[in-house]
Amino acid sequence: MPEAKQAIGLFDSGIGGLTVANAILKQLPNESLIYFGDTAHLPYGDKSPDTIRYFTKTIGAFLLSKECKMIVIACNTASSVAYEMLENMAGDKAYVFNVIDPVVEEIINKKYKKVGVIGTLGTINSNVYQAKIKEKDSSIDVRQLATPLLVPMIESGFVDGQISHLVIEEYLNAPELQDIDTLILACTHYPLIKKEIETFYAEKNKKVSVLATNEIVAIHIKKFMIEHGLINYEKKGKNAFYVSDYTESFEKTTQLFYKESVDLIHLPLFK
């Protein structure tokens, strides 16, 4: 069974999941992390479910080999199609978390009634948010919109400027997202533009709660770890960050997501 001294494993198609890693360390500063960014295959949003499950299985095996006490699928697309597979694969070796269920729980607890969801094509086409929310409360109105330009925009560093303003405004003005009371940022890249989205609604005098996956997931994980005696109260070991493809510019971009300098280790898992 997993023990407190073991590391927390996370993975994403790129560096978006580093927003989750950063949020977890704010909640749990003594934990050590092992992060894998599948940068050779980003984005996952336009890949088939079978392909994403293959990527998840390979990365999951790597994180299990590192004896992680839990694995966080820090990617909405992979969470939507590969969570149950990875949970079965991990068995009693590690706990597995997705980034969707904690957000659905938040929607239900806060009693939101008109919910907007923005995410990648893969996440939106899976209908996972709509299905999970409706399963718990069929009266909730869920509107979804695929926003495929946001991930490459953010990965390129456009998070607060004219380009990002125009793209965000175009998406948020879409008919699907009118008259909502909350907006789910259903991609771990999107917390980097949360302030811009909140500003958009403030300028239009619209009261819309903007929910960032990373913060909600980190709080959920902390609660689970307290309940199961998994928190590491001793000084943490060194964090490790792996990528399947490496470029120097990519390493610099990681600071947008993680807020600290990160030494990336190139590990081509996929031969």
C-alpha atoms as a PDB file:
ATOM      1  CA  MET A   1       0.000   0.000   0.000  1.00  0.00           C
ATOM      2  CA  PRO A   2       1.169   3.582  -0.641  1.00  0.00           C
ATOM      3  CA  GLU A   3       3.150   5.313   2.125  1.00  0.00           C
ATOM      4  CA  ALA A   4       3.504   8.985   3.080  1.00  0.00           C
ATOM      5  CA  LYS A   5       7.220   9.162   2.255  1.00  0.00           C
ATOM      6  CA  GLN A   6       6.638   8.271  -1.401  1.00  0.00           C
ATOM      7  CA  ALA A   7       6.422  10.933  -4.108  1.00  0.00           C
ATOM      8  CA  ILE A   8       3.360  12.261  -5.925  1.00  0.00           C
ATOM      9  CA  GLY A   9       3.404  11.549  -9.663  1.00  0.00           C
ATOM     10  CA  LEU A  10       1.732  13.813 -12.217  1.00  0.00           C
ATOM     11  CA  PHE A  11       1.546  13.900 -15.989  1.00  0.00           C
ATOM     12  CA  ASP A  12       0.130  16.008 -18.789  1.00  0.00           C
ATOM     13  CA  SER A  13       0.499  16.273 -22.550  1.00  0.00           C
ATOM     14  CA  GLY A  14       2.800  19.245 -22.022  1.00  0.00           C
ATOM     15  CA  ILE A  15       3.438  21.773 -19.306  1.00  0.00           C
ATOM     16  CA  GLY A  16      -0.143  22.735 -18.489  1.00  0.00           C
ATOM     17  CA  GLY A  17      -0.120  20.200 -15.668  1.00  0.00           C
ATOM     18  CA  LEU A  18       2.574  22.246 -13.957  1.00  0.00           C
ATOM     19  CA  THR A  19      -0.240  24.552 -12.815  1.00  0.00           C
ATOM     20  CA  VAL A  20      -1.554  21.556 -10.857  1.00  0.00           C
ATOM     21  CA  ALA A  21       1.938  20.731  -9.544  1.00  0.00           C
ATOM     22  CA  ASN A  22       2.376  24.314  -8.354  1.00  0.00           C
ATOM     23  CA  ALA A  23      -1.022  24.310  -6.633  1.00  0.00           C
ATOM     24  CA  ILE A  24      -0.293  20.987  -4.897  1.00  0.00           C
ATOM     25  CA  LEU A  25       2.994  22.269  -3.470  1.00  0.00           C
ATOM     26  CA  LYS A  26       1.238  25.371  -2.136  1.00  0.00           C
ATOM     27  CA  GLN A  27      -1.134  23.086  -0.244  1.00  0.00           C
ATOM     28  CA  LEU A  28       1.464  20.406   0.595  1.00  0.00           C
ATOM     29  CA  PRO A  29       4.941  22.020   0.737  1.00  0.00           C
ATOM     30  CA  ASN A  30       6.760  18.942   2.064  1.00  0.00           C
ATOM     31  CA  GLU A  31       5.771  16.640  -0.777  1.00  0.00           C
ATOM     32  CA  SER A  32       8.168  15.637  -3.547  1.00  0.00           C
ATOM     33  CA  LEU A  33       6.858  15.497  -7.098  1.00  0.00           C
ATOM     34  CA  ILE A  34       7.699  13.446 -10.168  1.00  0.00           C
ATOM     35  CA  TYR A  35       6.243  15.149 -13.233  1.00  0.00           C
ATOM     36  CA  PHE A  36       6.125  13.880 -16.798  1.00  0.00           C
ATOM     37  CA  GLY A  37       5.205  16.176 -19.678  1.00  0.00           C
ATOM     38  CA  ASP A  38       4.530  14.296 -22.896  1.00  0.00           C
ATOM     39  CA  THR A  39       5.757  17.184 -25.017  1.00  0.00           C
ATOM     40  CA  ALA A  40       6.485  14.912 -27.989  1.00  0.00           C
ATOM     41  CA  HIS A  41       2.747  14.360 -28.428  1.00  0.00           C
ATOM     42  CA  LEU A  42       1.095  17.598 -27.340  1.00  0.00           C
ATOM     43  CA  PRO A  43      -1.662  18.521 -27.518  1.00  0.00           C
ATOM     44  CA  TYR A  44      -3.747  15.498 -26.505  1.00  0.00           C
ATOM     45  CA  GLY A  45      -6.939  17.380 -27.361  1.00  0.00           C
ATOM     46  CA  ASP A  46      -6.927  16.354 -31.020  1.00  0.00           C
ATOM     47  CA  LYS A  47      -5.800  12.729 -30.501  1.00  0.00           C
ATOM     48  CA  SER A  48      -8.077   9.670 -30.562  1.00  0.00           C
ATOM     49  CA  PRO A  49      -9.143   8.086 -27.244  1.00  0.00           C
ATOM     50  CA  ASP A  50      -7.180   4.895 -28.030  1.00  0.00           C
ATOM     51  CA  THR A  51      -4.014   6.902 -28.680  1.00  0.00           C
ATOM     52  CA  ILE A  52      -4.409   8.842 -25.427  1.00  0.00           C
ATOM     53  CA  ARG A  53      -4.943   5.587 -23.510  1.00  0.00           C
ATOM     54  CA  TYR A  54      -1.711   4.231 -25.005  1.00  0.00           C
ATOM     55  CA  PHE A  55       0.202   7.350 -23.927  1.00  0.00           C
ATOM     56  CA  THR A  56      -1.372   7.156 -20.462  1.00  0.00           C
ATOM     57  CA  LYS A  57      -0.496   3.481 -20.041  1.00  0.00           C
ATOM     58  CA  THR A  58       3.153   4.103 -20.958  1.00  0.00           C
ATOM     59  CA  ILE A  59       3.539   7.132 -18.681  1.00  0.00           C
ATOM     60  CA  GLY A  60       1.599   5.427 -15.901  1.00  0.00           C
ATOM     61  CA  ALA A  61       3.992   2.468 -15.994  1.00  0.00           C
ATOM     62  CA  PHE A  62       6.923   4.882 -15.675  1.00  0.00           C
ATOM     63  CA  LEU A  63       5.417   6.654 -12.641  1.00  0.00           C
ATOM     64  CA  LEU A  64       4.565   3.333 -11.002  1.00  0.00           C
ATOM     65  CA  SER A  65       8.177   2.246 -11.511  1.00  0.00           C
ATOM     66  CA  LYS A  66       9.159   5.352  -9.511  1.00  0.00           C
ATOM     67  CA  GLU A  67       6.962   4.056  -6.658  1.00  0.00           C
ATOM     68  CA  CYS A  68       4.680   7.089  -6.531  1.00  0.00           C
ATOM     69  CA  LYS A  69       2.020   6.942  -3.818  1.00  0.00           C
ATOM     70  CA  MET A  70      -0.452   8.602  -6.141  1.00  0.00           C
ATOM     71  CA  ILE A  71      -0.714   9.534  -9.797  1.00  0.00           C
ATOM     72  CA  VAL A  72      -2.531  12.683 -10.817  1.00  0.00           C
ATOM     73  CA  ILE A  73      -3.746  12.803 -14.420  1.00  0.00           C
ATOM     74  CA  ALA A  74      -3.105  16.541 -14.715  1.00  0.00           C
ATOM     75  CA  CYS A  75      -4.841  16.733 -18.077  1.00  0.00           C
ATOM     76  CA  ASN A  76      -8.582  17.020 -18.704  1.00  0.00           C
ATOM     77  CA  THR A  77      -8.440  15.148 -22.009  1.00  0.00           C
ATOM     78  CA  ALA A  78      -6.591  12.148 -20.545  1.00  0.00           C
ATOM     79  CA  SER A  79      -8.790  12.296 -17.434  1.00  0.00           C
ATOM     80  CA  SER A  80     -11.882  12.025 -19.616  1.00  0.00           C
ATOM     81  CA  VAL A  81     -10.835   8.885 -21.528  1.00  0.00           C
ATOM     82  CA  ALA A  82      -8.084   7.078 -19.573  1.00  0.00           C
ATOM     83  CA  TYR A  83      -8.806   7.455 -15.845  1.00  0.00           C
ATOM     84  CA  GLU A  84     -10.499   4.091 -15.238  1.00  0.00           C
ATOM     85  CA  MET A  85      -7.864   2.262 -17.271  1.00  0.00           C
ATOM     86  CA  LEU A  86      -5.021   3.780 -15.221  1.00  0.00           C
ATOM     87  CA  GLU A  87      -6.843   3.171 -11.951  1.00  0.00           C
ATOM     88  CA  ASN A  88      -7.184  -0.534 -12.822  1.00  0.00           C
ATOM     89  CA  MET A  89      -3.568  -0.648 -13.921  1.00  0.00           C
ATOM     90  CA  ALA A  90      -2.292   0.891 -10.663  1.00  0.00           C
ATOM     91  CA  GLY A  91      -4.302  -1.462  -8.460  1.00  0.00           C
ATOM     92  CA  ASP A  92      -3.187  -1.126  -4.837  1.00  0.00           C
ATOM     93  CA  LYS A  93       0.233   0.292  -5.775  1.00  0.00           C
ATOM     94  CA  ALA A  94      -0.929   3.899  -6.069  1.00  0.00           C
ATOM     95  CA  TYR A  95      -4.025   6.057  -5.772  1.00  0.00           C
ATOM     96  CA  VAL A  96      -5.104   7.643  -9.062  1.00  0.00           C
ATOM     97  CA  PHE A  97      -6.770  11.042  -9.393  1.00  0.00           C
ATOM     98  CA  ASN A  98      -8.296  12.823 -12.337  1.00  0.00           C
ATOM     99  CA  VAL A  99      -8.907  16.571 -12.616  1.00  0.00           C
ATOM    100  CA  ILE A 100     -12.609  16.295 -13.444  1.00  0.00           C
ATOM    101  CA  ASP A 101     -14.370  14.716 -10.446  1.00  0.00           C
ATOM    102  CA  PRO A 102     -13.229  17.349  -7.896  1.00  0.00           C
ATOM    103  CA  VAL A 103     -14.587  20.126 -10.133  1.00  0.00           C
ATOM    104  CA  VAL A 104     -17.918  18.338 -10.598  1.00  0.00           C
ATOM    105  CA  GLU A 105     -18.120  17.987  -6.822  1.00  0.00           C
ATOM    106  CA  GLU A 106     -17.503  21.735  -6.485  1.00  0.00           C
ATOM    107  CA  ILE A 107     -20.337  22.505  -8.921  1.00  0.00           C
ATOM    108  CA  ILE A 108     -22.771  20.394  -6.919  1.00  0.00           C
ATOM    109  CA  ASN A 109     -21.655  21.715  -3.509  1.00  0.00           C
ATOM    110  CA  LYS A 110     -21.895  25.369  -4.598  1.00  0.00           C
ATOM    111  CA  LYS A 111     -25.297  24.734  -6.230  1.00  0.00           C
ATOM    112  CA  TYR A 112     -24.465  26.377  -9.555  1.00  0.00           C
ATOM    113  CA  LYS A 113     -27.307  26.084 -12.065  1.00  0.00           C
ATOM    114  CA  LYS A 114     -26.018  27.418 -15.413  1.00  0.00           C
ATOM    115  CA  VAL A 115     -22.562  26.045 -16.070  1.00  0.00           C
ATOM    116  CA  GLY A 116     -20.271  26.812 -18.994  1.00  0.00           C
ATOM    117  CA  VAL A 117     -17.363  24.518 -19.884  1.00  0.00           C
ATOM    118  CA  ILE A 118     -14.411  25.419 -22.116  1.00  0.00           C
ATOM    119  CA  GLY A 119     -11.727  22.909 -23.039  1.00  0.00           C
ATOM    120  CA  THR A 120      -9.956  21.064 -25.823  1.00  0.00           C
ATOM    121  CA  LEU A 121     -11.809  19.269 -28.603  1.00  0.00           C
ATOM    122  CA  GLY A 122     -11.076  15.945 -26.910  1.00  0.00           C
ATOM    123  CA  THR A 123     -12.503  17.018 -23.554  1.00  0.00           C
ATOM    124  CA  ILE A 124     -15.606  18.680 -25.009  1.00  0.00           C
ATOM    125  CA  ASN A 125     -16.321  15.844 -27.458  1.00  0.00           C
ATOM    126  CA  SER A 126     -16.148  13.328 -24.609  1.00  0.00           C
ATOM    127  CA  ASN A 127     -19.086  15.118 -22.898  1.00  0.00           C
ATOM    128  CA  VAL A 128     -17.566  14.004 -19.610  1.00  0.00           C
ATOM    129  CA  TYR A 129     -18.406  17.174 -17.659  1.00  0.00           C
ATOM    130  CA  GLN A 130     -21.975  17.279 -18.884  1.00  0.00           C
ATOM    131  CA  ALA A 131     -22.508  13.582 -18.146  1.00  0.00           C
ATOM    132  CA  LYS A 132     -20.987  13.690 -14.654  1.00  0.00           C
ATOM    133  CA  ILE A 133     -22.785  16.892 -13.634  1.00  0.00           C
ATOM    134  CA  LYS A 134     -26.156  15.706 -15.002  1.00  0.00           C
ATOM    135  CA  GLU A 135     -25.705  12.363 -13.238  1.00  0.00           C
ATOM    136  CA  LYS A 136     -25.589  14.176  -9.896  1.00  0.00           C
ATOM    137  CA  ASP A 137     -28.173  16.878 -10.675  1.00  0.00           C
ATOM    138  CA  SER A 138     -30.181  16.690 -13.902  1.00  0.00           C
ATOM    139  CA  SER A 139     -31.600  20.209 -13.382  1.00  0.00           C
ATOM    140  CA  ILE A 140     -28.227  21.890 -14.004  1.00  0.00           C
ATOM    141  CA  ASP A 141     -27.910  23.517 -17.423  1.00  0.00           C
ATOM    142  CA  VAL A 142     -24.482  22.669 -18.888  1.00  0.00           C
ATOM    143  CA  ARG A 143     -23.182  24.473 -21.990  1.00  0.00           C
ATOM    144  CA  GLN A 144     -19.915  23.408 -23.631  1.00  0.00           C
ATOM    145  CA  LEU A 145     -17.543  25.072 -26.073  1.00  0.00           C
ATOM    146  CA  ALA A 146     -14.338  23.697 -27.599  1.00  0.00           C
ATOM    147  CA  THR A 147     -11.595  26.349 -27.482  1.00  0.00           C
ATOM    148  CA  PRO A 148      -8.718  24.760 -29.450  1.00  0.00           C
ATOM    149  CA  LEU A 149      -6.715  27.971 -29.961  1.00  0.00           C
ATOM    150  CA  LEU A 150      -6.116  28.529 -26.264  1.00  0.00           C
ATOM    151  CA  VAL A 151      -3.548  25.781 -25.575  1.00  0.00           C
ATOM    152  CA  PRO A 152      -1.127  26.703 -28.409  1.00  0.00           C
ATOM    153  CA  MET A 153      -1.632  30.378 -27.537  1.00  0.00           C
ATOM    154  CA  ILE A 154      -0.690  29.785 -23.903  1.00  0.00           C
ATOM    155  CA  GLU A 155       2.162  27.378 -24.752  1.00  0.00           C
ATOM    156  CA  SER A 156       3.580  30.192 -26.933  1.00  0.00           C
ATOM    157  CA  GLY A 157       3.525  32.595 -23.993  1.00  0.00           C
ATOM    158  CA  PHE A 158       0.544  34.721 -25.050  1.00  0.00           C
ATOM    159  CA  VAL A 159      -1.239  35.003 -21.690  1.00  0.00           C
ATOM    160  CA  ASP A 160      -1.758  38.726 -21.172  1.00  0.00           C
ATOM    161  CA  GLY A 161      -1.782  40.935 -24.240  1.00  0.00           C
ATOM    162  CA  GLN A 162      -3.669  41.956 -27.342  1.00  0.00           C
ATOM    163  CA  ILE A 163      -3.593  38.494 -28.940  1.00  0.00           C
ATOM    164  CA  SER A 164      -4.890  36.689 -25.874  1.00  0.00           C
ATOM    165  CA  HIS A 165      -7.539  39.387 -25.258  1.00  0.00           C
ATOM    166  CA  LEU A 166      -8.926  39.007 -28.773  1.00  0.00           C
ATOM    167  CA  VAL A 167      -9.004  35.193 -28.714  1.00  0.00           C
ATOM    168  CA  ILE A 168     -10.578  35.037 -25.251  1.00  0.00           C
ATOM    169  CA  GLU A 169     -13.187  37.654 -26.138  1.00  0.00           C
ATOM    170  CA  GLU A 170     -14.121  35.773 -29.311  1.00  0.00           C
ATOM    171  CA  TYR A 171     -14.684  32.542 -27.415  1.00  0.00           C
ATOM    172  CA  LEU A 172     -16.512  34.012 -24.397  1.00  0.00           C
ATOM    173  CA  ASN A 173     -18.909  35.924 -26.649  1.00  0.00           C
ATOM    174  CA  ALA A 174     -20.042  32.654 -28.248  1.00  0.00           C
ATOM    175  CA  PRO A 175     -23.801  31.934 -27.968  1.00  0.00           C
ATOM    176  CA  GLU A 176     -23.098  28.730 -26.007  1.00  0.00           C
ATOM    177  CA  LEU A 177     -21.640  30.668 -23.083  1.00  0.00           C
ATOM    178  CA  GLN A 178     -24.272  33.348 -22.576  1.00  0.00           C
ATOM    179  CA  ASP A 179     -26.204  33.714 -19.291  1.00  0.00           C
ATOM    180  CA  ILE A 180     -24.042  31.296 -17.299  1.00  0.00           C
ATOM    181  CA  ASP A 181     -23.343  31.654 -13.570  1.00  0.00           C
ATOM    182  CA  THR A 182     -20.045  29.771 -13.584  1.00  0.00           C
ATOM    183  CA  LEU A 183     -17.360  28.822 -16.101  1.00  0.00           C
ATOM    184  CA  ILE A 184     -15.218  25.695 -15.768  1.00  0.00           C
ATOM    185  CA  LEU A 185     -11.711  26.086 -17.170  1.00  0.00           C
ATOM    186  CA  ALA A 186     -11.530  22.456 -18.282  1.00  0.00           C
ATOM    187  CA  CYS A 187      -7.857  22.442 -19.205  1.00  0.00           C
ATOM    188  CA  THR A 188      -4.851  22.716 -16.905  1.00  0.00           C
ATOM    189  CA  HIS A 189      -3.332  25.380 -19.181  1.00  0.00           C
ATOM    190  CA  TYR A 190      -6.245  27.739 -18.629  1.00  0.00           C
ATOM    191  CA  PRO A 191      -5.440  28.917 -15.064  1.00  0.00           C
ATOM    192  CA  LEU A 192      -2.808  31.124 -16.693  1.00  0.00           C
ATOM    193  CA  ILE A 193      -5.578  33.162 -18.347  1.00  0.00           C
ATOM    194  CA  LYS A 194      -8.030  33.024 -15.437  1.00  0.00           C
ATOM    195  CA  LYS A 195      -7.428  36.697 -14.559  1.00  0.00           C
ATOM    196  CA  GLU A 196      -8.054  37.744 -18.157  1.00  0.00           C
ATOM    197  CA  ILE A 197     -11.319  35.793 -18.214  1.00  0.00           C
ATOM    198  CA  GLU A 198     -12.422  37.308 -14.893  1.00  0.00           C
ATOM    199  CA  THR A 199     -11.568  40.782 -16.228  1.00  0.00           C
ATOM    200  CA  PHE A 200     -13.694  40.118 -19.324  1.00  0.00           C
ATOM    201  CA  TYR A 201     -16.737  39.365 -17.173  1.00  0.00           C
ATOM    202  CA  ALA A 202     -16.053  42.229 -14.742  1.00  0.00           C
ATOM    203  CA  GLU A 203     -15.918  44.753 -17.579  1.00  0.00           C
ATOM    204  CA  LYS A 204     -19.306  43.517 -18.775  1.00  0.00           C
ATOM    205  CA  ASN A 205     -20.704  43.621 -15.208  1.00  0.00           C
ATOM    206  CA  LYS A 206     -21.462  39.917 -15.374  1.00  0.00           C
ATOM    207  CA  LYS A 207     -21.242  37.835 -12.199  1.00  0.00           C
ATOM    208  CA  VAL A 208     -19.643  34.611 -13.377  1.00  0.00           C
ATOM    209  CA  SER A 209     -17.582  32.378 -11.066  1.00  0.00           C
ATOM    210  CA  VAL A 210     -14.484  31.161 -12.908  1.00  0.00           C
ATOM    211  CA  LEU A 211     -13.315  27.762 -11.666  1.00  0.00           C
ATOM    212  CA  ALA A 212      -9.669  26.792 -12.204  1.00  0.00           C
ATOM    213  CA  THR A 213      -9.027  23.051 -12.152  1.00  0.00           C
ATOM    214  CA  ASN A 214      -5.604  23.273 -10.486  1.00  0.00           C
ATOM    215  CA  GLU A 215      -6.741  24.970  -7.264  1.00  0.00           C
ATOM    216  CA  ILE A 216      -9.769  22.734  -6.746  1.00  0.00           C
ATOM    217  CA  VAL A 217      -7.813  19.531  -7.433  1.00  0.00           C
ATOM    218  CA  ALA A 218      -4.996  20.507  -5.035  1.00  0.00           C
ATOM    219  CA  ILE A 219      -7.436  21.122  -2.176  1.00  0.00           C
ATOM    220  CA  HIS A 220      -9.217  17.829  -2.942  1.00  0.00           C
ATOM    221  CA  ILE A 221      -5.920  15.900  -2.898  1.00  0.00           C
ATOM    222  CA  LYS A 222      -4.829  17.482   0.396  1.00  0.00           C
ATOM    223  CA  LYS A 223      -8.125  16.472   2.016  1.00  0.00           C
ATOM    224  CA  PHE A 224      -7.760  12.899   0.728  1.00  0.00           C
ATOM    225  CA  MET A 225      -4.159  12.659   1.967  1.00  0.00           C
ATOM    226  CA  ILE A 226      -5.098  13.893   5.439  1.00  0.00           C
ATOM    227  CA  GLU A 227      -7.900  11.314   5.650  1.00  0.00           C
ATOM    228  CA  HIS A 228      -5.589   8.484   4.533  1.00  0.00           C
ATOM    229  CA  GLY A 229      -2.460   9.439   6.482  1.00  0.00           C
ATOM    230  CA  LEU A 230      -0.441  10.122   3.341  1.00  0.00           C
ATOM    231  CA  ILE A 231       0.952  13.588   4.064  1.00  0.00           C
ATOM    232  CA  ASN A 232       4.737  13.777   4.298  1.00  0.00           C
ATOM    233  CA  TYR A 233       5.621  15.916   7.337  1.00  0.00           C
ATOM    234  CA  GLU A 234       9.372  15.503   6.903  1.00  0.00           C
ATOM    235  CA  LYS A 235      11.549  17.598   4.620  1.00  0.00           C
ATOM    236  CA  LYS A 236      10.775  16.737   1.012  1.00  0.00           C
ATOM    237  CA  GLY A 237      13.170  15.255  -1.499  1.00  0.00           C
ATOM    238  CA  LYS A 238      14.056  16.917  -4.780  1.00  0.00           C
ATOM    239  CA  ASN A 239      11.316  17.316  -7.374  1.00  0.00           C
ATOM    240  CA  ALA A 240      11.941  15.739 -10.769  1.00  0.00           C
ATOM    241  CA  PHE A 241      10.535  16.981 -14.072  1.00  0.00           C
ATOM    242  CA  TYR A 242      10.670  14.802 -17.189  1.00  0.00           C
ATOM    243  CA  VAL A 243       9.668  15.569 -20.775  1.00  0.00           C
ATOM    244  CA  SER A 244       9.425  13.278 -23.785  1.00  0.00           C
ATOM    245  CA  ASP A 245      10.832  15.996 -26.070  1.00  0.00           C
ATOM    246  CA  TYR A 246      13.142  18.820 -25.021  1.00  0.00           C
ATOM    247  CA  THR A 247      13.876  22.304 -26.290  1.00  0.00           C
ATOM    248  CA  GLU A 248      15.588  25.174 -24.485  1.00  0.00           C
ATOM    249  CA  SER A 249      12.711  27.546 -25.231  1.00  0.00           C
ATOM    250  CA  PHE A 250      10.299  25.042 -23.739  1.00  0.00           C
ATOM    251  CA  GLU A 251      12.265  24.996 -20.470  1.00  0.00           C
ATOM    252  CA  LYS A 252      11.962  28.775 -20.239  1.00  0.00           C
ATOM    253  CA  THR A 253       8.211  28.581 -20.823  1.00  0.00           C
ATOM    254  CA  THR A 254       7.813  26.230 -17.842  1.00  0.00           C
ATOM    255  CA  GLN A 255       8.355  29.198 -15.522  1.00  0.00           C
ATOM    256  CA  LEU A 256       4.989  30.598 -16.662  1.00  0.00           C
ATOM    257  CA  PHE A 257       3.307  27.488 -15.285  1.00  0.00           C
ATOM    258  CA  TYR A 258       5.444  26.618 -12.284  1.00  0.00           C
ATOM    259  CA  LYS A 259       6.680  30.056 -11.110  1.00  0.00           C
ATOM    260  CA  GLU A 260      10.167  28.693 -10.485  1.00  0.00           C
ATOM    261  CA  SER A 261      13.100  27.612 -12.599  1.00  0.00           C
ATOM    262  CA  VAL A 262      12.734  23.948 -13.563  1.00  0.00           C
ATOM    263  CA  ASP A 263      15.486  21.616 -14.749  1.00  0.00           C
ATOM    264  CA  LEU A 264      13.880  19.358 -17.323  1.00  0.00           C
ATOM    265  CA  ILE A 265      15.130  15.810 -17.871  1.00  0.00           C
ATOM    266  CA  HIS A 266      14.738  14.509 -21.395  1.00  0.00           C
ATOM    267  CA  LEU A 267      13.276  11.001 -21.236  1.00  0.00           C
ATOM    268  CA  PRO A 268      12.045   9.594 -24.579  1.00  0.00           C
ATOM    269  CA  LEU A 269       9.675   6.937 -23.192  1.00  0.00           C
ATOM    270  CA  PHE A 270       8.175   6.264 -26.590  1.00  0.00           C
ATOM    271  CA  LYS A 271      10.674   4.494 -28.833  1.00  0.00           C
END
